[in-house]
Structures are given as C-alpha cells and as structure tokens.
Amino acid sequence: MTPAYVADIEAERRLPSSELMGRISTVLEISLENLAAADSRLSTELREWIEERPQLTALLRSLRTSPESDLLIQRLIRLFNRRSRPQVPRGFLVTWESELRAIAAEASAWTIETGGDLFGRWQDVPTVMLATKAGPAAKRDHAHFRLDVDYLRDLSEMLASRWGLRYFGDWHSHHRLGLSAPSGGDRRRIISIARRNQFSAMSEIIVTLEERRGDPTVRIHPWTYDLAGDASNPFPLQVKVLPGISPVREALLAQGVLGEQSLAAWEGMSLQRIRIGADTGPPTLEPMRDIDGETRQKVLLHLAEALQEASGAPVEQHVTGFGCILVAQLDGSSHLAFALASAWPMAVLEVHHLNRDTGTTESLDQPFGLAAIDASRVVEIYRAAQLAGRTQHVDI
C-alpha cells in the first residue's frame, strides 16, 4: 500500500477493503470480529444491513435518545461477550488497594492503549507490591502498546536489589478493542520473557474501560501463565485486595524517589469506579494483615545504610521485644540510639543520646509521626545531634 493510502485510512477518509482487513487482522493478531468492533464507522455493507431491518433502526434511534444510552450499550456488549463459557479462575492474585487504584488512574488518563509493569513477590501466590506506569519511551496507539524496555530493565534492577521484588508481568489497557483476555501477541511476549528469565509463572492484567457520562468504570482482568510444563494458555485469577497503600509504594513516597512515577496519583482514583472481572460492585477489601518480614528488613537495611553514610562508622542493630534499636556513632564515645517499633511503618518510639564513657543517656525530642521508612528525616535528626555536639565542644 502507498503511504498516501495508509494516511487516508488512519485519517478516516477511506475504509479498508475486506482483503485489507484480513491482512490487518493477521498482523495485529486480532480477530476480524474484534477488529470490526473497534471501528466506529459504518461500512456500506453494514449500513445496508441495518436499513433492511426496521426494528434495528428503531432500536438505534431509541438508544440515541435514551439518557442511559452508554450504559445500555455496555450491557449489550457484555451480553454478546458471554456467548462463550467463561474460564474458571485458577487461584488468586494479591495486591493492595493503592496498586489497583494506580492502574485505574493511569488507564483512565489515556484515550489510547497504555500500560505498565507489575513488581512483587511470588511465593504461594503472586503478590503485587508495586504497579508502575510505563517509561518515557513507551509506544501507544489505539490498538497496541509497547513497553519502554530500557526503563523497565533499570527499574527492575533497582527494585530487585533495593526491595527484593521480582518483575512478573505487566498490565495494559484495551481501550477500544474491548478484549478482556490477552491477545496472541500478549501471550507470546509474556512466554518469551518467562523463558529468557527462567520464570515458571507470570501474571498479566488487562484493563478495559466502560465509557459513561462522567468518569468511566475501570475493569481489571488478571491472568496467570503456568509455564512449568508445556501449557502456555493463560487462566483468569481472582483478586484479594488489601486495604490502603502498599508498603513499598509508601516507602518510595517517603524517600522521594521515582518522581516520574507520580506515586501519589493513585489517591485521585476512587475504588468505587473499579470492578474486578465481571463483578457488578467495587472490590471488597480483605482484613488488614501484617507486612511481610522481608519488606521490613529492607527498610531497616536502607535506614542503617543512610545512618552509616552520615556517620562514617558501622551502625549497630539490636533486636528487642518491641522491635529493634539502631545505634549510630556521633563522635568518639558519643552515640545516637533510635528505638523502632516492629509494627509497620516501624515508628521511631524514642531517640537517646548515649555516652558510653560515662554510661549516661539523654532523651531527645523527635518529630511527630517519624518512622523508619523516612530515612532522610531520621538522618536529619542524626545530623542535628552531630552538629549540636560539635558546637558544645567549641563552646568548651
């Protein structure tokens, strides 16, 4: 085809022929039925078919004038999509409310396909601890989305080394296609990534939007790939949603990193606009559970590293009944001790100035709400104590 002909199709000045539609269907790996459903224009054949059916014409007029036309159209679409027996969910995907709302917020911010990555821990069940936006070089259009591979590689390395998180899939939207299942191209990409990284299982989330007046409803469709054997077909998953913000997202926000991810944007998306699969209501939140030990250990490690960098000396860690105590050297026998609670987000309970030569301790004031996840504020307290000690020496 000439570039001019392609431009005419993209600008909606021409309709592709049946033969060309077949070729597009093959290349994009989208069925002709779904490809036609994504095209809002009427072909000559379809217009003639409608005009030959007076009842259908009357129905279309009624839909056009109905105040609930968008809702009725979505119900008809769901009715037609139920013609095939739905697959039985195979297991659960666990995530936090913040991650579902982050996905929904990013998907609804675009009118074309978009997506991002899923990071977490995969033990008995996949647990998404961070759902990210795509990198700056991601490619988007109405029927395709491509990740920013270089950005994903750098992000994966950082989250693996700093937080012990594994990349185990992605999420992306099907804005106009209306497909709630992974396409053939989606499946090959996931399987290829799994084989390169020797993953025995992967997950994927497909997002669809139900356009209504005002804010659209966002539907989350989670899938899993069990690649331990020869099977490669994905199966749907049920979702368990934990309340509030993911501990990793909370810690990254406190650290002020990954500014390009807009980590607080999830707060602008209401959970009431989200549906899981074919559910008619918003997700039900699970009871609050304790944060896993690995995440807490990573936070303590990051705090100890920050204090060690500030002090230039090893930081002691002492386990206690209430949590632990980190001790950082100020100068000689002078140290600063931070008593941390074990419960998330590991609040700083007390700060003490220790003098190991004299055996004396002095309790210091601390900001309200200080916690181990906010390493920079803890280091500020350390530096203030260090500066006060130096000033005292000068006065003497």
Protein backbone atom coordinates (compact mmCIF):
# COMPACT_ATOMS: atom_id res chain seq x y z
CA MET A 1 0.00 0.00 0.00
CA THR A 2 1.16 3.54 -0.68
CA PRO A 3 1.81 5.88 2.26
CA ALA A 4 -0.99 8.12 0.98
CA TYR A 5 -3.50 5.24 1.13
CA VAL A 6 -2.43 4.35 4.69
CA ALA A 7 -2.75 8.01 5.69
CA ASP A 8 -6.27 8.14 4.27
CA ILE A 9 -7.27 5.07 6.34
CA GLU A 10 -5.74 6.50 9.52
CA ALA A 11 -7.46 9.85 8.93
CA GLU A 12 -10.78 8.02 8.38
CA ARG A 13 -11.09 9.27 4.81
CA ARG A 14 -11.26 5.69 3.48
CA LEU A 15 -12.46 2.33 4.72
CA PRO A 16 -10.11 -0.66 4.30
CA SER A 17 -11.34 -3.39 1.97
CA SER A 18 -12.30 -6.83 3.28
CA GLU A 19 -8.99 -8.23 1.98
CA LEU A 20 -7.02 -5.49 3.74
CA MET A 21 -8.98 -6.00 6.97
CA GLY A 22 -7.99 -9.67 6.81
CA ARG A 23 -4.32 -8.75 6.45
CA ILE A 24 -4.52 -6.24 9.32
CA SER A 25 -6.23 -8.89 11.47
CA THR A 26 -3.38 -11.34 10.78
CA VAL A 27 -0.58 -8.86 11.52
CA LEU A 28 -2.14 -7.46 14.70
CA GLU A 29 -3.31 -10.93 15.79
CA ILE A 30 -6.81 -9.59 16.47
CA SER A 31 -9.86 -11.43 15.22
CA LEU A 32 -11.86 -9.81 12.44
CA GLU A 33 -14.86 -9.66 14.77
CA ASN A 34 -12.97 -7.69 17.44
CA LEU A 35 -11.23 -5.54 14.84
CA ALA A 36 -14.58 -4.61 13.34
CA ALA A 37 -15.96 -3.89 16.83
CA ALA A 38 -13.15 -1.38 17.37
CA ASP A 39 -14.11 0.56 14.22
CA SER A 40 -16.90 3.02 14.98
CA ARG A 41 -17.52 3.79 11.27
CA LEU A 42 -20.25 2.13 9.23
CA SER A 43 -19.21 0.26 6.12
CA THR A 44 -21.53 0.28 3.10
CA GLU A 45 -22.47 -3.35 3.72
CA LEU A 46 -23.31 -2.70 7.40
CA ARG A 47 -25.37 0.40 6.59
CA GLU A 48 -27.40 -1.55 4.02
CA TRP A 49 -27.90 -4.42 6.51
CA ILE A 50 -29.23 -2.01 9.15
CA GLU A 51 -31.56 -0.25 6.68
CA GLU A 52 -33.10 -3.60 5.72
CA ARG A 53 -34.17 -4.17 9.36
CA PRO A 54 -36.71 -1.55 10.54
CA GLN A 55 -36.74 -2.90 14.12
CA LEU A 56 -32.98 -2.46 14.41
CA THR A 57 -33.24 1.08 13.04
CA ALA A 58 -35.92 1.88 15.65
CA LEU A 59 -33.72 0.39 18.37
CA LEU A 60 -30.78 2.55 17.34
CA ARG A 61 -32.99 5.66 17.41
CA SER A 62 -34.14 4.74 20.93
CA LEU A 63 -30.56 4.25 22.09
CA ARG A 64 -29.58 7.59 20.64
CA THR A 65 -32.25 9.48 22.60
CA SER A 66 -32.01 7.48 25.84
CA PRO A 67 -30.32 9.28 28.78
CA GLU A 68 -28.72 5.92 29.68
CA SER A 69 -27.58 5.03 26.16
CA ASP A 70 -23.93 4.44 27.12
CA LEU A 71 -24.94 2.12 29.97
CA LEU A 72 -27.35 0.16 27.74
CA ILE A 73 -24.70 -0.25 25.04
CA GLN A 74 -22.19 -1.58 27.56
CA ARG A 75 -24.78 -4.09 28.80
CA LEU A 76 -25.38 -5.28 25.23
CA ILE A 77 -21.63 -5.67 24.69
CA ARG A 78 -21.31 -7.74 27.86
CA LEU A 79 -24.27 -9.86 26.78
CA PHE A 80 -22.63 -10.67 23.44
CA ASN A 81 -19.31 -11.37 25.12
CA ARG A 82 -20.97 -14.02 27.30
CA ARG A 83 -21.73 -16.23 24.33
CA SER A 84 -18.70 -18.38 25.17
CA ARG A 85 -18.38 -20.13 28.53
CA PRO A 86 -16.02 -18.11 30.78
CA GLN A 87 -12.90 -19.83 32.10
CA VAL A 88 -12.86 -20.84 35.74
CA PRO A 89 -10.41 -18.70 37.79
CA ARG A 90 -7.29 -20.58 38.81
CA GLY A 91 -6.01 -19.22 42.12
CA PHE A 92 -5.59 -15.70 43.46
CA LEU A 93 -3.58 -12.58 42.85
CA VAL A 94 -2.98 -10.47 45.98
CA THR A 95 -2.43 -6.74 45.83
CA TRP A 96 -3.06 -3.53 47.73
CA GLU A 97 -5.85 -1.09 47.11
CA SER A 98 -3.27 1.52 46.10
CA GLU A 99 -1.99 -0.60 43.21
CA LEU A 100 -5.44 -1.23 41.73
CA ARG A 101 -6.24 2.46 42.01
CA ALA A 102 -2.86 3.38 40.46
CA ILE A 103 -3.57 1.13 37.46
CA ALA A 104 -7.09 2.52 37.08
CA ALA A 105 -5.88 6.12 37.36
CA GLU A 106 -3.24 5.69 34.66
CA ALA A 107 -5.50 3.71 32.30
CA SER A 108 -8.32 6.25 32.52
CA ALA A 109 -5.90 9.14 31.90
CA TRP A 110 -5.45 7.96 28.29
CA THR A 111 -7.83 7.55 25.36
CA ILE A 112 -5.45 5.09 23.69
CA GLU A 113 -3.79 1.93 24.97
CA THR A 114 -1.30 2.32 27.80
CA GLY A 115 0.20 0.13 30.49
CA GLY A 116 2.97 -0.52 32.96
CA ASP A 117 4.71 -3.21 34.97
CA LEU A 118 3.94 -5.45 37.93
CA PHE A 119 6.53 -5.99 40.67
CA GLY A 120 6.16 -8.09 43.78
CA ARG A 121 6.92 -11.41 45.40
CA TRP A 122 5.78 -14.76 44.09
CA GLN A 123 5.72 -17.49 46.67
CA ASP A 124 2.49 -19.44 47.13
CA VAL A 125 0.53 -16.73 45.30
CA PRO A 126 1.63 -13.73 43.22
CA THR A 127 1.58 -10.58 45.36
CA VAL A 128 1.78 -7.25 43.53
CA MET A 129 3.56 -4.70 45.70
CA LEU A 130 4.09 -2.05 43.03
CA ALA A 131 2.23 -1.43 39.77
CA THR A 132 4.15 1.16 37.76
CA LYS A 133 3.50 3.46 34.85
CA ALA A 134 5.29 2.88 31.55
CA GLY A 135 8.65 4.50 30.90
CA PRO A 136 9.07 7.71 28.87
CA ALA A 137 9.84 5.88 25.61
CA ALA A 138 6.74 3.64 25.67
CA LYS A 139 4.77 3.42 22.40
CA ARG A 140 0.98 3.83 22.45
CA ASP A 141 -1.81 3.83 19.87
CA HIS A 142 -5.44 2.72 19.61
CA ALA A 143 -4.70 -1.00 19.21
CA HIS A 144 -1.18 -1.52 20.52
CA PHE A 145 1.08 -0.75 23.47
CA ARG A 146 4.81 -1.35 23.75
CA LEU A 147 6.82 -1.01 26.96
CA ASP A 148 9.94 1.11 27.35
CA VAL A 149 12.33 -1.84 27.64
CA ASP A 150 15.39 0.15 28.77
CA TYR A 151 13.41 1.89 31.51
CA LEU A 152 11.89 -1.43 32.60
CA ARG A 153 15.35 -3.02 32.82
CA ASP A 154 16.73 -0.22 35.03
CA LEU A 155 13.62 -0.16 37.21
CA SER A 156 13.67 -3.95 37.61
CA GLU A 157 17.31 -3.92 38.71
CA MET A 158 16.68 -1.20 41.29
CA LEU A 159 13.57 -2.84 42.75
CA ALA A 160 15.26 -6.23 42.85
CA SER A 161 18.42 -5.00 44.59
CA ARG A 162 16.77 -2.50 46.95
CA TRP A 163 13.50 -4.28 47.72
CA GLY A 164 13.84 -7.89 46.64
CA LEU A 165 10.95 -7.50 44.21
CA ARG A 166 10.58 -9.59 41.10
CA TYR A 167 9.16 -8.40 37.81
CA PHE A 168 6.48 -10.93 36.97
CA GLY A 169 4.32 -9.34 34.34
CA ASP A 170 2.67 -6.21 33.10
CA TRP A 171 -0.68 -4.51 32.86
CA HIS A 172 -2.09 -2.78 29.82
CA SER A 173 -5.39 -1.40 28.63
CA HIS A 174 -7.61 -2.36 25.70
CA HIS A 175 -9.40 0.95 25.31
CA ARG A 176 -11.21 0.38 22.03
CA LEU A 177 -10.83 -3.33 21.37
CA GLY A 178 -12.94 -4.37 24.33
CA LEU A 179 -10.84 -7.50 24.84
CA SER A 180 -10.65 -8.68 28.45
CA ALA A 181 -8.21 -11.54 27.68
CA PRO A 182 -4.58 -11.42 26.49
CA SER A 183 -4.19 -11.35 22.71
CA GLY A 184 -1.93 -13.73 20.81
CA GLY A 185 0.81 -11.12 20.80
CA ASP A 186 0.42 -10.59 24.56
CA ARG A 187 0.82 -14.32 25.16
CA ARG A 188 3.95 -14.68 23.02
CA ARG A 189 5.58 -11.68 24.71
CA ILE A 190 4.93 -12.99 28.23
CA ILE A 191 6.12 -16.50 27.34
CA SER A 192 9.28 -15.09 25.73
CA ILE A 193 10.09 -13.01 28.83
CA ALA A 194 9.48 -16.01 31.10
CA ARG A 195 11.82 -18.23 29.09
CA ARG A 196 14.58 -15.62 28.97
CA ASN A 197 14.43 -15.16 32.74
CA GLN A 198 13.65 -18.81 33.56
CA PHE A 199 10.38 -17.88 35.27
CA SER A 200 7.99 -20.76 35.83
CA ALA A 201 4.98 -18.44 36.13
CA MET A 202 3.95 -14.94 35.06
CA SER A 203 0.93 -12.67 35.50
CA GLU A 204 -0.78 -10.11 33.32
CA ILE A 205 -3.60 -7.64 33.91
CA ILE A 206 -5.85 -6.50 31.08
CA VAL A 207 -7.77 -3.27 31.71
CA THR A 208 -10.98 -2.30 29.93
CA LEU A 209 -12.98 0.89 30.35
CA GLU A 210 -16.73 1.24 30.23
CA GLU A 211 -17.37 4.69 28.85
CA ARG A 212 -20.20 6.52 30.57
CA ARG A 213 -21.09 10.13 31.07
CA GLY A 214 -18.57 11.45 33.53
CA ASP A 215 -15.96 9.07 34.91
CA PRO A 216 -15.67 5.65 33.22
CA THR A 217 -15.80 2.38 35.15
CA VAL A 218 -12.43 0.60 35.03
CA ARG A 219 -12.44 -3.21 34.85
CA ILE A 220 -9.41 -5.21 35.99
CA HIS A 221 -8.94 -8.64 34.38
CA PRO A 222 -6.00 -10.57 35.97
CA TRP A 223 -4.46 -13.60 34.23
CA THR A 224 -1.74 -16.10 35.10
CA TYR A 225 0.59 -18.21 32.98
CA ASP A 226 1.74 -21.54 34.42
CA LEU A 227 4.87 -22.23 32.38
CA ALA A 228 6.34 -25.08 34.44
CA GLY A 229 5.05 -27.60 31.88
CA ASP A 230 4.12 -27.42 28.22
CA ALA A 231 0.93 -25.39 28.77
CA SER A 232 1.10 -21.75 27.72
CA ASN A 233 -2.54 -20.62 27.75
CA PRO A 234 -3.35 -18.03 30.42
CA PHE A 235 -6.04 -18.60 33.05
CA PRO A 236 -8.06 -15.94 34.88
CA LEU A 237 -7.33 -15.17 38.52
CA GLN A 238 -9.42 -13.98 41.41
CA VAL A 239 -8.11 -10.97 43.33
CA LYS A 240 -7.66 -10.36 47.04
CA VAL A 241 -7.36 -6.64 47.75
CA LEU A 242 -5.60 -5.46 50.90
CA PRO A 243 -6.68 -2.08 52.27
CA GLY A 244 -4.66 1.09 51.96
CA ILE A 245 -1.26 1.71 50.43
CA SER A 246 1.35 -0.89 49.53
CA PRO A 247 4.33 -0.76 51.94
CA VAL A 248 6.77 -0.44 49.04
CA ARG A 249 4.85 2.46 47.48
CA GLU A 250 4.63 4.09 50.93
CA ALA A 251 8.37 3.76 51.49
CA LEU A 252 9.25 5.04 48.00
CA LEU A 253 7.00 8.06 48.59
CA ALA A 254 8.72 8.76 51.92
CA GLN A 255 12.12 8.51 50.22
CA GLY A 256 11.09 10.95 47.49
CA VAL A 257 12.32 8.75 44.62
CA LEU A 258 10.86 7.76 41.23
CA GLY A 259 9.30 11.16 40.65
CA GLU A 260 8.37 10.18 37.09
CA GLN A 261 6.03 7.55 38.52
CA SER A 262 3.70 10.07 40.24
CA LEU A 263 3.45 7.64 43.16
CA ALA A 264 0.72 9.63 44.92
CA ALA A 265 -1.58 9.79 41.86
CA TRP A 266 -3.50 6.69 42.98
CA GLU A 267 -5.23 8.79 45.65
CA GLY A 268 -7.18 10.62 42.92
CA MET A 269 -8.90 7.43 41.73
CA SER A 270 -11.93 6.20 43.69
CA LEU A 271 -12.15 2.49 44.44
CA GLN A 272 -15.88 2.80 43.65
CA ARG A 273 -15.01 3.14 39.95
CA ILE A 274 -13.14 -0.17 39.83
CA ARG A 275 -14.51 -3.64 39.08
CA ILE A 276 -12.73 -6.99 39.05
CA GLY A 277 -13.67 -9.06 36.00
CA ALA A 278 -17.45 -9.21 35.58
CA ASP A 279 -18.22 -8.10 39.15
CA THR A 280 -21.09 -5.66 39.45
CA GLY A 281 -19.69 -3.84 42.50
CA PRO A 282 -16.32 -2.46 43.62
CA PRO A 283 -13.72 -4.80 45.17
CA THR A 284 -14.25 -6.00 48.72
CA LEU A 285 -11.24 -5.23 50.92
CA GLU A 286 -9.59 -8.03 52.89
CA PRO A 287 -8.81 -7.62 56.61
CA MET A 288 -5.59 -5.75 57.32
CA ARG A 289 -2.59 -8.07 57.56
CA ASP A 290 0.93 -7.61 58.88
CA ILE A 291 3.65 -6.52 56.47
CA ASP A 292 6.00 -9.30 55.41
CA GLY A 293 9.34 -9.67 57.16
CA GLU A 294 11.44 -9.14 54.02
CA THR A 295 9.98 -5.69 53.39
CA ARG A 296 10.61 -4.64 57.00
CA GLN A 297 14.18 -5.93 56.84
CA LYS A 298 14.77 -3.95 53.64
CA VAL A 299 13.55 -0.75 55.33
CA LEU A 300 15.86 -1.34 58.29
CA LEU A 301 18.75 -2.02 55.93
CA HIS A 302 18.12 1.21 54.00
CA LEU A 303 17.95 3.20 57.25
CA ALA A 304 21.15 1.62 58.59
CA GLU A 305 22.92 2.38 55.29
CA ALA A 306 21.79 6.01 55.42
CA LEU A 307 22.99 6.42 59.03
CA GLN A 308 26.27 4.68 58.23
CA GLU A 309 26.86 7.05 55.30
CA ALA A 310 26.16 10.03 57.56
CA SER A 311 28.35 8.82 60.44
CA GLY A 312 31.14 7.10 58.52
CA ALA A 313 31.04 4.19 61.00
CA PRO A 314 29.17 0.86 61.20
CA VAL A 315 25.65 1.07 62.64
CA GLU A 316 24.69 -1.35 65.40
CA GLN A 317 21.35 -3.16 65.33
CA HIS A 318 19.90 -4.71 68.49
CA VAL A 319 16.71 -6.79 68.45
CA THR A 320 14.27 -6.06 71.29
CA GLY A 321 10.84 -7.18 72.40
CA PHE A 322 9.20 -4.08 70.91
CA GLY A 323 11.24 -4.10 67.68
CA CYS A 324 14.87 -3.04 67.44
CA ILE A 325 17.36 -0.29 68.26
CA LEU A 326 19.77 1.24 65.76
CA VAL A 327 22.85 2.90 67.26
CA ALA A 328 24.97 5.31 65.18
CA GLN A 329 28.23 6.86 66.38
CA LEU A 330 28.32 10.65 66.71
CA ASP A 331 31.86 11.25 67.91
CA GLY A 332 34.13 9.02 70.00
CA SER A 333 32.04 7.52 72.82
CA SER A 334 29.01 9.64 71.89
CA HIS A 335 26.23 7.77 70.03
CA LEU A 336 22.63 8.28 68.97
CA ALA A 337 20.15 5.43 69.51
CA PHE A 338 16.82 5.09 67.65
CA ALA A 339 14.22 2.75 69.17
CA LEU A 340 11.97 1.40 66.40
CA ALA A 341 8.63 -0.41 66.70
CA SER A 342 8.21 -3.75 64.92
CA ALA A 343 4.73 -2.88 63.58
CA TRP A 344 4.60 -1.17 60.19
CA PRO A 345 5.66 1.52 59.38
CA MET A 346 8.13 0.94 62.24
CA ALA A 347 7.62 4.18 64.12
CA VAL A 348 10.54 5.81 65.92
CA LEU A 349 9.49 5.37 69.56
CA GLU A 350 12.39 7.19 71.23
CA VAL A 351 15.71 8.84 70.41
CA HIS A 352 18.50 8.80 73.00
CA HIS A 353 21.92 10.39 73.15
CA LEU A 354 24.35 7.87 74.68
CA ASN A 355 27.75 8.48 76.24
CA ARG A 356 29.44 5.13 76.67
CA ASP A 357 32.36 6.54 78.68
CA THR A 358 30.12 7.93 81.41
CA GLY A 359 27.22 5.50 80.94
CA THR A 360 24.72 8.35 80.72
CA THR A 361 21.73 8.71 78.39
CA GLU A 362 19.64 11.72 77.43
CA SER A 363 16.23 11.54 75.73
CA LEU A 364 15.85 13.85 72.72
CA ASP A 365 12.71 15.32 71.18
CA GLN A 366 11.60 13.93 67.82
CA PRO A 367 9.13 15.00 65.11
CA PHE A 368 5.61 13.56 65.35
CA GLY A 369 4.97 10.59 63.07
CA LEU A 370 8.63 9.80 62.39
CA ALA A 371 9.13 6.24 61.08
CA ALA A 372 11.90 4.04 59.73
CA ILE A 373 10.58 4.33 56.16
CA ASP A 374 11.51 8.04 56.19
CA ALA A 375 15.29 7.57 56.32
CA SER A 376 16.05 11.15 55.24
CA ARG A 377 14.20 12.66 58.24
CA VAL A 378 15.92 10.23 60.62
CA VAL A 379 19.28 11.28 59.18
CA GLU A 380 18.30 14.94 59.71
CA ILE A 381 17.88 14.22 63.44
CA TYR A 382 21.27 12.48 63.48
CA ARG A 383 22.99 15.44 61.75
CA ALA A 384 21.33 17.94 64.13
CA ALA A 385 22.64 15.95 67.12
CA GLN A 386 26.06 15.72 65.50
CA LEU A 387 26.14 19.48 64.91
CA ALA A 388 24.99 20.19 68.48
CA GLY A 389 27.80 18.03 69.81
CA ARG A 390 30.41 19.85 67.74
CA THR A 391 29.06 23.24 68.88
CA GLN A 392 29.27 22.11 72.50
CA HIS A 393 32.90 21.14 72.03
CA VAL A 394 33.69 24.58 70.56
CA ASP A 395 31.98 26.35 73.48
CA ILE A 396 34.01 24.37 75.97
